[in-house]
Amino acid sequence: MFPILTRDDVFRIETQRLWLRWPRIEDACSMAAWAGRPEVATMTSTFEVGISESAVAARLVLQRASNATGQALGFTIVAQGADAQAIGLIGVSLKADGTLELGYHLDPASWNRGLMTEAVRGLAVQVFDLTAACKIVASTRPDNHGSIKVLAKAGFKSTGGGEHESPVYGRYMVRHFALPRARPSPLLQAQKRFGATEPTLAHDLVGLV
């Protein structure tokens, strides 16, 4: 699903205040300091409270490998002008039904500034431009009011709820959201115009949700 241009670590997405860039191993130091905090980790599916720097680094290695093969599109979020300081993670993964699922989390020191909404919007634009995905979906705990607000501001609509099975936190209820495609992909239109084949479908995104 993700084309060749995304499979090199020079690929990045620029928003008004942020860069979304490939993860680097050195991101693990700052990331472990906030990703394992209870208010962050317990709102994810796979990040443990108190997750170690080495465990974060291992996830980043896998994420880079998945990006390089076109099996994922995942980024570290950094503020423009502070490229060395990781303040968040964001990415999309392919579900069994062919839709793309969004996952993200942000350093609490950067909450309440609209940064995650900005990152979600920036990533969604690129996903729809670069792939044939018909929609992007996301799920969040009903009590994760910050995440629900982010999704609503980014244009996602509630589609109901259900159960989720987490390898870390067990079974719990989630709310589902979806953002439908608004226009055809300009990249795929150009590929078809010149007789190129469409990109192959991606597989699971590692370690972002």
N, C-alpha and C. Protein backbone atom coordinates (compact mmCIF):
# COMPACT_ATOMS: atom_id res chain seq x y z
N MET A 1 0.82 -1.21 0.00
CA MET A 1 0.00 0.00 0.00
C MET A 1 0.85 1.26 0.00
N PHE A 2 1.99 1.23 0.67
CA PHE A 2 2.81 2.43 0.79
C PHE A 2 3.88 2.44 -0.29
N PRO A 3 3.94 3.50 -1.08
CA PRO A 3 4.82 3.52 -2.25
C PRO A 3 6.28 3.67 -1.89
N ILE A 4 7.13 3.51 -2.91
CA ILE A 4 8.57 3.50 -2.70
C ILE A 4 9.08 4.78 -2.05
N LEU A 5 8.47 5.91 -2.37
CA LEU A 5 8.99 7.18 -1.85
C LEU A 5 8.91 7.27 -0.33
N THR A 6 8.07 6.45 0.32
CA THR A 6 7.98 6.46 1.78
C THR A 6 8.97 5.52 2.44
N ARG A 7 9.71 4.72 1.65
CA ARG A 7 10.51 3.62 2.19
C ARG A 7 11.96 3.98 2.47
N ASP A 8 12.24 5.24 2.57
CA ASP A 8 13.58 5.74 2.90
C ASP A 8 13.43 6.75 4.02
N ASP A 9 14.40 6.79 4.93
CA ASP A 9 14.22 7.65 6.09
C ASP A 9 14.39 9.14 5.82
N VAL A 10 14.59 9.51 4.56
CA VAL A 10 14.54 10.93 4.22
C VAL A 10 13.10 11.39 4.07
N PHE A 11 12.15 10.45 3.94
CA PHE A 11 10.75 10.83 3.79
C PHE A 11 10.21 11.34 5.11
N ARG A 12 9.58 12.50 5.05
CA ARG A 12 8.96 13.07 6.24
C ARG A 12 7.77 13.92 5.83
N ILE A 13 6.92 14.21 6.79
CA ILE A 13 5.74 15.04 6.57
C ILE A 13 5.88 16.32 7.39
N GLU A 14 5.64 17.43 6.76
CA GLU A 14 5.71 18.72 7.44
C GLU A 14 4.31 19.26 7.69
N THR A 15 4.06 19.73 8.91
CA THR A 15 2.84 20.46 9.21
C THR A 15 3.24 21.86 9.67
N GLN A 16 2.30 22.64 10.13
CA GLN A 16 2.62 24.02 10.51
C GLN A 16 3.69 24.11 11.58
N ARG A 17 3.62 23.21 12.58
CA ARG A 17 4.56 23.29 13.71
C ARG A 17 5.40 22.04 13.90
N LEU A 18 5.17 21.01 13.11
CA LEU A 18 5.76 19.70 13.38
C LEU A 18 6.45 19.11 12.16
N TRP A 19 7.34 18.16 12.45
CA TRP A 19 7.83 17.21 11.47
C TRP A 19 7.38 15.83 11.92
N LEU A 20 6.87 15.03 11.00
CA LEU A 20 6.67 13.60 11.22
C LEU A 20 7.76 12.91 10.44
N ARG A 21 8.71 12.31 11.14
CA ARG A 21 9.86 11.69 10.49
C ARG A 21 10.00 10.25 10.94
N TRP A 22 10.81 9.50 10.20
CA TRP A 22 11.08 8.11 10.59
C TRP A 22 11.64 8.06 12.02
N PRO A 23 11.27 7.03 12.79
CA PRO A 23 11.87 6.87 14.12
C PRO A 23 13.36 6.61 14.03
N ARG A 24 14.10 7.09 15.03
CA ARG A 24 15.52 6.84 15.18
C ARG A 24 15.75 6.15 16.51
N ILE A 25 16.79 5.34 16.59
CA ILE A 25 17.06 4.61 17.82
C ILE A 25 17.30 5.58 18.99
N GLU A 26 17.91 6.71 18.69
CA GLU A 26 18.18 7.68 19.76
C GLU A 26 16.91 8.32 20.31
N ASP A 27 15.78 8.15 19.62
CA ASP A 27 14.50 8.65 20.15
C ASP A 27 14.09 7.91 21.41
N ALA A 28 14.61 6.69 21.60
CA ALA A 28 14.16 5.85 22.71
C ALA A 28 14.40 6.49 24.06
N CYS A 29 15.45 7.26 24.19
CA CYS A 29 15.79 7.86 25.48
C CYS A 29 14.70 8.80 25.96
N SER A 30 14.35 9.79 25.14
CA SER A 30 13.31 10.74 25.54
C SER A 30 11.93 10.09 25.53
N MET A 31 11.71 9.16 24.61
CA MET A 31 10.40 8.54 24.47
C MET A 31 10.05 7.69 25.69
N ALA A 32 11.02 6.94 26.20
CA ALA A 32 10.75 6.08 27.35
C ALA A 32 10.34 6.88 28.57
N ALA A 33 10.79 8.12 28.65
CA ALA A 33 10.48 8.96 29.81
C ALA A 33 9.01 9.30 29.90
N TRP A 34 8.32 9.35 28.75
CA TRP A 34 6.89 9.68 28.81
C TRP A 34 5.98 8.56 28.35
N ALA A 35 6.46 7.67 27.46
CA ALA A 35 5.58 6.62 26.93
C ALA A 35 5.17 5.63 28.00
N GLY A 36 5.97 5.49 29.06
CA GLY A 36 5.65 4.56 30.13
C GLY A 36 4.88 5.18 31.28
N ARG A 37 4.56 6.46 31.18
CA ARG A 37 3.78 7.10 32.24
C ARG A 37 2.36 6.54 32.22
N PRO A 38 1.73 6.33 33.38
CA PRO A 38 0.40 5.71 33.42
C PRO A 38 -0.64 6.40 32.56
N GLU A 39 -0.63 7.74 32.53
CA GLU A 39 -1.65 8.46 31.77
C GLU A 39 -1.48 8.30 30.26
N VAL A 40 -0.29 7.85 29.83
CA VAL A 40 -0.06 7.56 28.41
C VAL A 40 -0.21 6.07 28.15
N ALA A 41 0.56 5.25 28.86
CA ALA A 41 0.62 3.81 28.58
C ALA A 41 -0.74 3.14 28.70
N THR A 42 -1.52 3.47 29.72
CA THR A 42 -2.79 2.79 29.93
C THR A 42 -3.84 3.17 28.90
N MET A 43 -3.58 4.18 28.11
CA MET A 43 -4.48 4.55 27.02
C MET A 43 -4.04 3.94 25.69
N THR A 44 -2.98 3.13 25.71
CA THR A 44 -2.54 2.39 24.53
C THR A 44 -2.90 0.92 24.71
N SER A 45 -2.64 0.14 23.70
CA SER A 45 -2.91 -1.29 23.76
C SER A 45 -1.69 -2.12 24.11
N THR A 46 -0.49 -1.63 23.76
CA THR A 46 0.70 -2.47 23.88
C THR A 46 1.86 -1.85 24.65
N PHE A 47 1.76 -0.62 25.09
CA PHE A 47 2.83 0.00 25.87
C PHE A 47 2.56 -0.23 27.36
N GLU A 48 3.54 -0.86 28.03
CA GLU A 48 3.40 -1.12 29.45
C GLU A 48 3.75 0.13 30.26
N VAL A 49 3.13 0.26 31.42
CA VAL A 49 3.53 1.31 32.36
C VAL A 49 4.98 1.05 32.76
N GLY A 50 5.82 2.07 32.67
CA GLY A 50 7.22 1.93 33.03
C GLY A 50 8.06 1.25 31.98
N ILE A 51 7.61 1.21 30.72
CA ILE A 51 8.35 0.56 29.66
C ILE A 51 9.79 1.09 29.61
N SER A 52 10.74 0.19 29.41
CA SER A 52 12.15 0.55 29.48
C SER A 52 12.63 1.18 28.17
N GLU A 53 13.76 1.87 28.26
CA GLU A 53 14.36 2.47 27.06
C GLU A 53 14.73 1.39 26.05
N SER A 54 15.24 0.26 26.52
CA SER A 54 15.63 -0.81 25.59
C SER A 54 14.41 -1.39 24.88
N ALA A 55 13.29 -1.50 25.58
CA ALA A 55 12.07 -2.02 24.96
C ALA A 55 11.54 -1.05 23.92
N VAL A 56 11.61 0.24 24.22
CA VAL A 56 11.20 1.25 23.23
C VAL A 56 12.13 1.19 22.02
N ALA A 57 13.43 1.08 22.26
CA ALA A 57 14.39 1.02 21.15
C ALA A 57 14.11 -0.18 20.25
N ALA A 58 13.76 -1.31 20.84
CA ALA A 58 13.46 -2.50 20.05
C ALA A 58 12.25 -2.26 19.15
N ARG A 59 11.26 -1.56 19.65
CA ARG A 59 10.08 -1.24 18.84
C ARG A 59 10.45 -0.32 17.69
N LEU A 60 11.33 0.62 17.94
CA LEU A 60 11.74 1.55 16.89
C LEU A 60 12.52 0.84 15.79
N VAL A 61 13.33 -0.14 16.17
CA VAL A 61 14.05 -0.93 15.17
C VAL A 61 13.05 -1.65 14.27
N LEU A 62 12.04 -2.27 14.85
CA LEU A 62 11.02 -2.97 14.07
C LEU A 62 10.24 -2.00 13.19
N GLN A 63 9.96 -0.81 13.75
CA GLN A 63 9.20 0.16 12.96
C GLN A 63 9.98 0.62 11.74
N ARG A 64 11.26 0.86 11.91
CA ARG A 64 12.09 1.25 10.76
C ARG A 64 12.12 0.16 9.70
N ALA A 65 12.21 -1.09 10.14
CA ALA A 65 12.23 -2.20 9.19
C ALA A 65 10.91 -2.30 8.44
N SER A 66 9.80 -2.10 9.14
CA SER A 66 8.49 -2.15 8.49
C SER A 66 8.31 -1.01 7.51
N ASN A 67 8.77 0.18 7.88
CA ASN A 67 8.71 1.32 6.96
C ASN A 67 9.53 1.04 5.70
N ALA A 68 10.71 0.46 5.89
CA ALA A 68 11.64 0.26 4.77
C ALA A 68 11.11 -0.73 3.74
N THR A 69 10.28 -1.66 4.17
CA THR A 69 9.72 -2.65 3.26
C THR A 69 8.36 -2.24 2.72
N GLY A 70 7.87 -1.06 3.12
CA GLY A 70 6.56 -0.61 2.69
C GLY A 70 5.42 -1.29 3.41
N GLN A 71 5.72 -1.97 4.52
CA GLN A 71 4.69 -2.66 5.28
C GLN A 71 4.01 -1.77 6.31
N ALA A 72 4.49 -0.55 6.48
CA ALA A 72 3.93 0.35 7.49
C ALA A 72 4.25 1.78 7.13
N LEU A 73 3.55 2.68 7.79
CA LEU A 73 3.88 4.09 7.68
C LEU A 73 3.76 4.67 9.09
N GLY A 74 4.89 4.71 9.78
CA GLY A 74 4.92 5.16 11.16
C GLY A 74 6.01 6.19 11.38
N PHE A 75 5.73 7.16 12.25
CA PHE A 75 6.63 8.30 12.43
C PHE A 75 6.81 8.67 13.89
N THR A 76 7.96 9.26 14.17
CA THR A 76 8.18 10.02 15.39
C THR A 76 7.72 11.45 15.14
N ILE A 77 7.05 12.02 16.11
CA ILE A 77 6.61 13.41 16.02
C ILE A 77 7.64 14.28 16.73
N VAL A 78 8.12 15.32 16.03
CA VAL A 78 9.06 16.27 16.63
C VAL A 78 8.61 17.67 16.28
N ALA A 79 8.93 18.63 17.15
CA ALA A 79 8.62 20.02 16.86
C ALA A 79 9.64 20.57 15.88
N GLN A 80 9.19 21.41 14.98
CA GLN A 80 10.12 22.04 14.05
C GLN A 80 11.14 22.85 14.85
N GLY A 81 12.41 22.68 14.49
CA GLY A 81 13.48 23.35 15.21
C GLY A 81 14.01 22.56 16.39
N ALA A 82 13.38 21.40 16.66
CA ALA A 82 13.83 20.55 17.77
C ALA A 82 13.80 19.10 17.32
N ASP A 83 14.49 18.81 16.22
CA ASP A 83 14.40 17.52 15.56
C ASP A 83 14.87 16.36 16.42
N ALA A 84 15.72 16.62 17.41
CA ALA A 84 16.27 15.55 18.22
C ALA A 84 15.34 15.12 19.36
N GLN A 85 14.29 15.89 19.63
CA GLN A 85 13.42 15.63 20.78
C GLN A 85 12.12 14.99 20.33
N ALA A 86 11.96 13.71 20.58
CA ALA A 86 10.73 13.00 20.22
C ALA A 86 9.62 13.35 21.20
N ILE A 87 8.50 13.87 20.69
CA ILE A 87 7.38 14.21 21.56
C ILE A 87 6.16 13.33 21.29
N GLY A 88 6.24 12.44 20.30
CA GLY A 88 5.09 11.59 20.05
C GLY A 88 5.37 10.52 19.01
N LEU A 89 4.41 9.62 18.87
CA LEU A 89 4.42 8.58 17.85
C LEU A 89 3.09 8.60 17.12
N ILE A 90 3.11 8.31 15.82
CA ILE A 90 1.89 8.26 15.05
C ILE A 90 2.10 7.34 13.85
N GLY A 91 1.08 6.61 13.47
CA GLY A 91 1.21 5.74 12.30
C GLY A 91 -0.09 5.06 11.95
N VAL A 92 -0.09 4.36 10.83
CA VAL A 92 -1.26 3.63 10.36
C VAL A 92 -0.88 2.19 10.05
N SER A 93 -1.85 1.29 10.23
CA SER A 93 -1.65 -0.13 9.94
C SER A 93 -2.85 -0.68 9.19
N LEU A 94 -2.64 -1.72 8.41
CA LEU A 94 -3.70 -2.30 7.60
C LEU A 94 -4.50 -3.31 8.39
N LYS A 95 -5.83 -3.16 8.41
CA LYS A 95 -6.72 -4.11 9.06
C LYS A 95 -7.13 -5.21 8.08
N ALA A 96 -7.71 -6.27 8.62
CA ALA A 96 -8.09 -7.41 7.79
C ALA A 96 -9.12 -7.04 6.73
N ASP A 97 -9.95 -6.03 7.01
CA ASP A 97 -10.97 -5.63 6.04
C ASP A 97 -10.45 -4.65 5.00
N GLY A 98 -9.14 -4.35 5.02
CA GLY A 98 -8.54 -3.48 4.02
C GLY A 98 -8.52 -2.01 4.39
N THR A 99 -9.08 -1.65 5.54
CA THR A 99 -9.01 -0.26 5.98
C THR A 99 -7.73 -0.03 6.79
N LEU A 100 -7.36 1.22 6.92
CA LEU A 100 -6.16 1.58 7.67
C LEU A 100 -6.54 2.09 9.05
N GLU A 101 -5.84 1.57 10.08
CA GLU A 101 -6.12 1.97 11.45
C GLU A 101 -5.04 2.90 11.96
N LEU A 102 -5.46 3.98 12.57
CA LEU A 102 -4.57 5.01 13.11
C LEU A 102 -4.22 4.71 14.55
N GLY A 103 -2.96 4.92 14.91
CA GLY A 103 -2.52 4.84 16.29
C GLY A 103 -1.59 6.00 16.61
N TYR A 104 -1.62 6.47 17.85
CA TYR A 104 -0.76 7.61 18.20
C TYR A 104 -0.69 7.76 19.72
N HIS A 105 0.34 8.43 20.20
CA HIS A 105 0.36 8.97 21.55
C HIS A 105 1.39 10.08 21.64
N LEU A 106 1.23 10.92 22.66
CA LEU A 106 1.97 12.18 22.75
C LEU A 106 2.48 12.40 24.16
N ASP A 107 3.66 12.99 24.27
CA ASP A 107 4.23 13.39 25.56
C ASP A 107 3.25 14.32 26.28
N PRO A 108 2.87 14.02 27.52
CA PRO A 108 1.95 14.90 28.25
C PRO A 108 2.40 16.35 28.33
N ALA A 109 3.72 16.59 28.25
CA ALA A 109 4.21 17.97 28.28
C ALA A 109 3.76 18.75 27.05
N SER A 110 3.31 18.04 26.01
CA SER A 110 2.86 18.70 24.78
C SER A 110 1.35 18.64 24.59
N TRP A 111 0.63 18.19 25.62
CA TRP A 111 -0.83 18.13 25.52
C TRP A 111 -1.44 19.53 25.51
N ASN A 112 -2.69 19.61 25.05
CA ASN A 112 -3.52 20.81 25.10
C ASN A 112 -2.97 21.97 24.27
N ARG A 113 -2.25 21.62 23.20
CA ARG A 113 -1.74 22.65 22.29
C ARG A 113 -2.18 22.39 20.85
N GLY A 114 -3.00 21.38 20.64
CA GLY A 114 -3.48 21.06 19.30
C GLY A 114 -2.47 20.34 18.44
N LEU A 115 -1.38 19.86 19.03
CA LEU A 115 -0.30 19.26 18.23
C LEU A 115 -0.70 17.90 17.66
N MET A 116 -1.40 17.09 18.45
CA MET A 116 -1.77 15.78 17.93
C MET A 116 -2.82 15.91 16.85
N THR A 117 -3.76 16.83 16.99
CA THR A 117 -4.72 17.06 15.91
C THR A 117 -4.00 17.46 14.63
N GLU A 118 -3.01 18.31 14.76
CA GLU A 118 -2.22 18.75 13.61
C GLU A 118 -1.49 17.56 12.97
N ALA A 119 -0.93 16.69 13.80
CA ALA A 119 -0.22 15.52 13.28
C ALA A 119 -1.18 14.55 12.59
N VAL A 120 -2.34 14.31 13.19
CA VAL A 120 -3.32 13.40 12.60
C VAL A 120 -3.79 13.93 11.24
N ARG A 121 -4.08 15.21 11.18
CA ARG A 121 -4.52 15.78 9.91
C ARG A 121 -3.42 15.66 8.84
N GLY A 122 -2.19 15.95 9.23
CA GLY A 122 -1.09 15.88 8.28
C GLY A 122 -0.87 14.48 7.75
N LEU A 123 -0.92 13.49 8.65
CA LEU A 123 -0.74 12.11 8.23
C LEU A 123 -1.90 11.65 7.35
N ALA A 124 -3.12 12.01 7.72
CA ALA A 124 -4.29 11.57 6.94
C ALA A 124 -4.23 12.09 5.51
N VAL A 125 -3.82 13.33 5.34
CA VAL A 125 -3.71 13.89 3.99
C VAL A 125 -2.74 13.07 3.16
N GLN A 126 -1.58 12.75 3.74
CA GLN A 126 -0.57 11.99 3.01
C GLN A 126 -1.04 10.57 2.71
N VAL A 127 -1.70 9.93 3.66
CA VAL A 127 -2.19 8.57 3.44
C VAL A 127 -3.16 8.53 2.27
N PHE A 128 -4.09 9.46 2.24
CA PHE A 128 -5.07 9.47 1.16
C PHE A 128 -4.44 9.88 -0.17
N ASP A 129 -3.42 10.72 -0.12
CA ASP A 129 -2.73 11.10 -1.36
C ASP A 129 -1.90 9.95 -1.93
N LEU A 130 -1.31 9.13 -1.05
CA LEU A 130 -0.34 8.13 -1.49
C LEU A 130 -0.90 6.72 -1.64
N THR A 131 -2.10 6.47 -1.15
CA THR A 131 -2.67 5.13 -1.20
C THR A 131 -4.09 5.16 -1.75
N ALA A 132 -4.63 3.95 -1.94
CA ALA A 132 -6.01 3.80 -2.39
C ALA A 132 -6.98 3.55 -1.24
N ALA A 133 -6.55 3.76 0.00
CA ALA A 133 -7.40 3.50 1.16
C ALA A 133 -8.70 4.29 1.07
N CYS A 134 -9.81 3.61 1.36
CA CYS A 134 -11.10 4.30 1.29
C CYS A 134 -11.42 5.04 2.58
N LYS A 135 -10.79 4.64 3.67
CA LYS A 135 -11.01 5.34 4.93
C LYS A 135 -9.89 5.01 5.91
N ILE A 136 -9.79 5.82 6.94
CA ILE A 136 -8.89 5.57 8.07
C ILE A 136 -9.77 5.40 9.29
N VAL A 137 -9.51 4.38 10.09
CA VAL A 137 -10.29 4.15 11.29
C VAL A 137 -9.41 4.28 12.52
N ALA A 138 -10.04 4.48 13.67
CA ALA A 138 -9.32 4.60 14.93
C ALA A 138 -10.24 4.14 16.05
N SER A 139 -9.66 3.69 17.15
CA SER A 139 -10.42 3.27 18.32
C SER A 139 -9.75 3.86 19.56
N THR A 140 -10.57 4.19 20.55
CA THR A 140 -10.03 4.74 21.78
C THR A 140 -10.93 4.37 22.94
N ARG A 141 -10.37 4.35 24.12
CA ARG A 141 -11.18 4.08 25.32
C ARG A 141 -12.23 5.19 25.49
N PRO A 142 -13.43 4.87 25.99
CA PRO A 142 -14.46 5.88 26.17
C PRO A 142 -14.06 7.00 27.13
N ASP A 143 -13.15 6.69 28.07
CA ASP A 143 -12.74 7.71 29.02
C ASP A 143 -11.50 8.49 28.56
N ASN A 144 -11.02 8.22 27.35
CA ASN A 144 -9.87 8.95 26.82
C ASN A 144 -10.40 10.19 26.09
N HIS A 145 -10.82 11.17 26.87
CA HIS A 145 -11.50 12.33 26.30
C HIS A 145 -10.58 13.16 25.41
N GLY A 146 -9.29 13.19 25.73
CA GLY A 146 -8.35 13.93 24.89
C GLY A 146 -8.25 13.33 23.51
N SER A 147 -8.18 12.00 23.42
CA SER A 147 -8.09 11.35 22.12
C SER A 147 -9.38 11.50 21.33
N ILE A 148 -10.51 11.39 22.00
CA ILE A 148 -11.80 11.59 21.32
C ILE A 148 -11.88 13.00 20.73
N LYS A 149 -11.40 13.97 21.47
CA LYS A 149 -11.40 15.35 20.99
C LYS A 149 -10.49 15.50 19.78
N VAL A 150 -9.31 14.88 19.82
CA VAL A 150 -8.39 14.93 18.68
C VAL A 150 -9.05 14.38 17.43
N LEU A 151 -9.67 13.21 17.55
CA LEU A 151 -10.29 12.58 16.39
C LEU A 151 -11.42 13.43 15.83
N ALA A 152 -12.24 13.98 16.70
CA ALA A 152 -13.36 14.82 16.25
C ALA A 152 -12.85 16.06 15.52
N LYS A 153 -11.82 16.70 16.06
CA LYS A 153 -11.27 17.90 15.42
C LYS A 153 -10.60 17.58 14.10
N ALA A 154 -10.10 16.34 13.95
CA ALA A 154 -9.46 15.93 12.70
C ALA A 154 -10.47 15.43 11.67
N GLY A 155 -11.76 15.43 12.01
CA GLY A 155 -12.79 15.06 11.05
C GLY A 155 -13.32 13.65 11.16
N PHE A 156 -12.84 12.87 12.14
CA PHE A 156 -13.33 11.51 12.32
C PHE A 156 -14.74 11.53 12.92
N LYS A 157 -15.57 10.57 12.50
CA LYS A 157 -16.93 10.45 13.00
C LYS A 157 -17.08 9.15 13.78
N SER A 158 -17.85 9.18 14.86
CA SER A 158 -18.09 7.99 15.67
C SER A 158 -18.87 6.96 14.87
N THR A 159 -18.45 5.70 14.97
CA THR A 159 -19.12 4.61 14.25
C THR A 159 -19.58 3.51 15.20
N GLY A 160 -19.64 3.80 16.48
CA GLY A 160 -20.11 2.81 17.45
C GLY A 160 -19.03 2.40 18.42
N GLY A 161 -19.19 1.22 18.98
CA GLY A 161 -18.24 0.74 19.97
C GLY A 161 -18.12 -0.77 19.95
N GLY A 162 -17.25 -1.29 20.80
CA GLY A 162 -17.05 -2.72 20.88
C GLY A 162 -15.97 -3.06 21.87
N GLU A 163 -15.55 -4.32 21.89
CA GLU A 163 -14.51 -4.79 22.79
C GLU A 163 -13.16 -4.85 22.07
N HIS A 164 -12.12 -4.61 22.82
CA HIS A 164 -10.76 -4.75 22.31
C HIS A 164 -9.97 -5.63 23.25
N GLU A 165 -9.15 -6.52 22.69
CA GLU A 165 -8.31 -7.41 23.49
C GLU A 165 -6.87 -6.92 23.44
N SER A 166 -6.36 -6.42 24.54
CA SER A 166 -4.99 -5.92 24.62
C SER A 166 -4.07 -6.98 25.20
N PRO A 167 -2.88 -7.16 24.62
CA PRO A 167 -1.93 -8.13 25.18
C PRO A 167 -1.38 -7.69 26.53
N VAL A 168 -1.57 -6.42 26.86
CA VAL A 168 -1.04 -5.88 28.12
C VAL A 168 -2.16 -5.66 29.14
N TYR A 169 -3.28 -5.11 28.71
CA TYR A 169 -4.32 -4.67 29.63
C TYR A 169 -5.60 -5.50 29.57
N GLY A 170 -5.58 -6.58 28.80
CA GLY A 170 -6.75 -7.44 28.74
C GLY A 170 -7.87 -6.87 27.89
N ARG A 171 -9.09 -7.28 28.19
CA ARG A 171 -10.25 -6.89 27.39
C ARG A 171 -10.91 -5.64 27.97
N TYR A 172 -11.23 -4.71 27.11
CA TYR A 172 -11.93 -3.50 27.55
C TYR A 172 -12.73 -2.94 26.38
N MET A 173 -13.64 -2.04 26.70
CA MET A 173 -14.50 -1.43 25.69
C MET A 173 -13.78 -0.26 25.01
N VAL A 174 -14.07 -0.08 23.73
CA VAL A 174 -13.53 1.05 22.98
C VAL A 174 -14.63 1.69 22.15
N ARG A 175 -14.40 2.92 21.76
CA ARG A 175 -15.24 3.62 20.79
C ARG A 175 -14.52 3.63 19.45
N HIS A 176 -15.27 3.44 18.37
CA HIS A 176 -14.71 3.39 17.03
C HIS A 176 -15.02 4.69 16.28
N PHE A 177 -14.06 5.10 15.45
CA PHE A 177 -14.20 6.32 14.65
C PHE A 177 -13.69 6.04 13.24
N ALA A 178 -14.15 6.83 12.28
CA ALA A 178 -13.70 6.66 10.89
C ALA A 178 -13.62 8.01 10.20
N LEU A 179 -12.62 8.12 9.31
CA LEU A 179 -12.45 9.28 8.45
C LEU A 179 -12.48 8.79 7.01
N PRO A 180 -13.54 9.07 6.24
CA PRO A 180 -13.62 8.57 4.86
C PRO A 180 -12.78 9.42 3.91
N ARG A 181 -12.38 8.79 2.82
CA ARG A 181 -11.67 9.50 1.76
C ARG A 181 -12.58 10.57 1.17
N ALA A 182 -12.02 11.75 0.92
CA ALA A 182 -12.81 12.85 0.36
C ALA A 182 -12.59 13.03 -1.13
N ARG A 183 -11.42 12.55 -1.65
CA ARG A 183 -11.12 12.73 -3.07
C ARG A 183 -10.18 11.62 -3.53
N PRO A 184 -10.09 11.38 -4.84
CA PRO A 184 -9.18 10.35 -5.34
C PRO A 184 -7.72 10.67 -5.02
N SER A 185 -6.88 9.65 -4.98
CA SER A 185 -5.45 9.83 -4.75
C SER A 185 -4.78 10.38 -6.00
N PRO A 186 -4.14 11.54 -5.92
CA PRO A 186 -3.45 12.08 -7.09
C PRO A 186 -2.29 11.20 -7.55
N LEU A 187 -1.61 10.52 -6.62
CA LEU A 187 -0.51 9.64 -7.00
C LEU A 187 -1.02 8.45 -7.81
N LEU A 188 -2.10 7.82 -7.35
CA LEU A 188 -2.62 6.67 -8.06
C LEU A 188 -3.23 7.06 -9.40
N GLN A 189 -3.82 8.25 -9.46
CA GLN A 189 -4.33 8.72 -10.74
C GLN A 189 -3.20 8.89 -11.74
N ALA A 190 -2.07 9.44 -11.26
CA ALA A 190 -0.91 9.63 -12.14
C ALA A 190 -0.34 8.28 -12.57
N GLN A 191 -0.28 7.31 -11.64
CA GLN A 191 0.23 5.98 -11.98
C GLN A 191 -0.62 5.32 -13.06
N LYS A 192 -1.93 5.43 -12.91
CA LYS A 192 -2.82 4.82 -13.90
C LYS A 192 -2.70 5.53 -15.25
N ARG A 193 -2.50 6.84 -15.21
CA ARG A 193 -2.38 7.60 -16.45
C ARG A 193 -1.16 7.15 -17.25
N PHE A 194 -0.08 6.82 -16.52
CA PHE A 194 1.16 6.42 -17.20
C PHE A 194 1.37 4.90 -17.22
N GLY A 195 0.32 4.15 -16.84
CA GLY A 195 0.38 2.70 -16.95
C GLY A 195 1.12 2.00 -15.85
N ALA A 196 1.40 2.68 -14.73
CA ALA A 196 2.11 2.04 -13.62
C ALA A 196 1.13 1.21 -12.80
N THR A 197 1.65 0.23 -12.08
CA THR A 197 0.82 -0.59 -11.21
C THR A 197 0.66 0.09 -9.86
N GLU A 198 -0.42 -0.25 -9.17
CA GLU A 198 -0.65 0.31 -7.85
C GLU A 198 0.27 -0.35 -6.83
N PRO A 199 0.60 0.36 -5.75
CA PRO A 199 1.44 -0.22 -4.70
C PRO A 199 0.78 -1.45 -4.09
N THR A 200 1.58 -2.36 -3.57
CA THR A 200 1.04 -3.54 -2.90
C THR A 200 0.51 -3.16 -1.52
N LEU A 201 -0.39 -3.98 -0.98
CA LEU A 201 -0.97 -3.70 0.31
C LEU A 201 0.04 -3.91 1.43
N ALA A 202 -0.11 -3.10 2.46
CA ALA A 202 0.77 -3.21 3.63
C ALA A 202 0.25 -4.27 4.59
N HIS A 203 1.09 -4.62 5.56
CA HIS A 203 0.68 -5.52 6.63
C HIS A 203 0.66 -4.75 7.94
N ASP A 204 0.78 -5.44 9.05
CA ASP A 204 0.58 -4.80 10.35
C ASP A 204 1.66 -3.77 10.66
N LEU A 205 1.25 -2.67 11.27
CA LEU A 205 2.17 -1.68 11.79
C LEU A 205 2.64 -2.15 13.16
N VAL A 206 3.93 -2.07 13.42
CA VAL A 206 4.48 -2.62 14.64
C VAL A 206 4.66 -1.54 15.70
N GLY A 207 4.05 -1.75 16.85
CA GLY A 207 4.43 -1.01 18.05
C GLY A 207 4.00 0.43 18.12
N LEU A 208 2.93 0.85 17.44
CA LEU A 208 2.52 2.23 17.58
C LEU A 208 1.24 2.38 18.38
N VAL A 209 0.40 1.39 18.37
CA VAL A 209 -0.89 1.56 19.03
C VAL A 209 -0.74 1.31 20.53
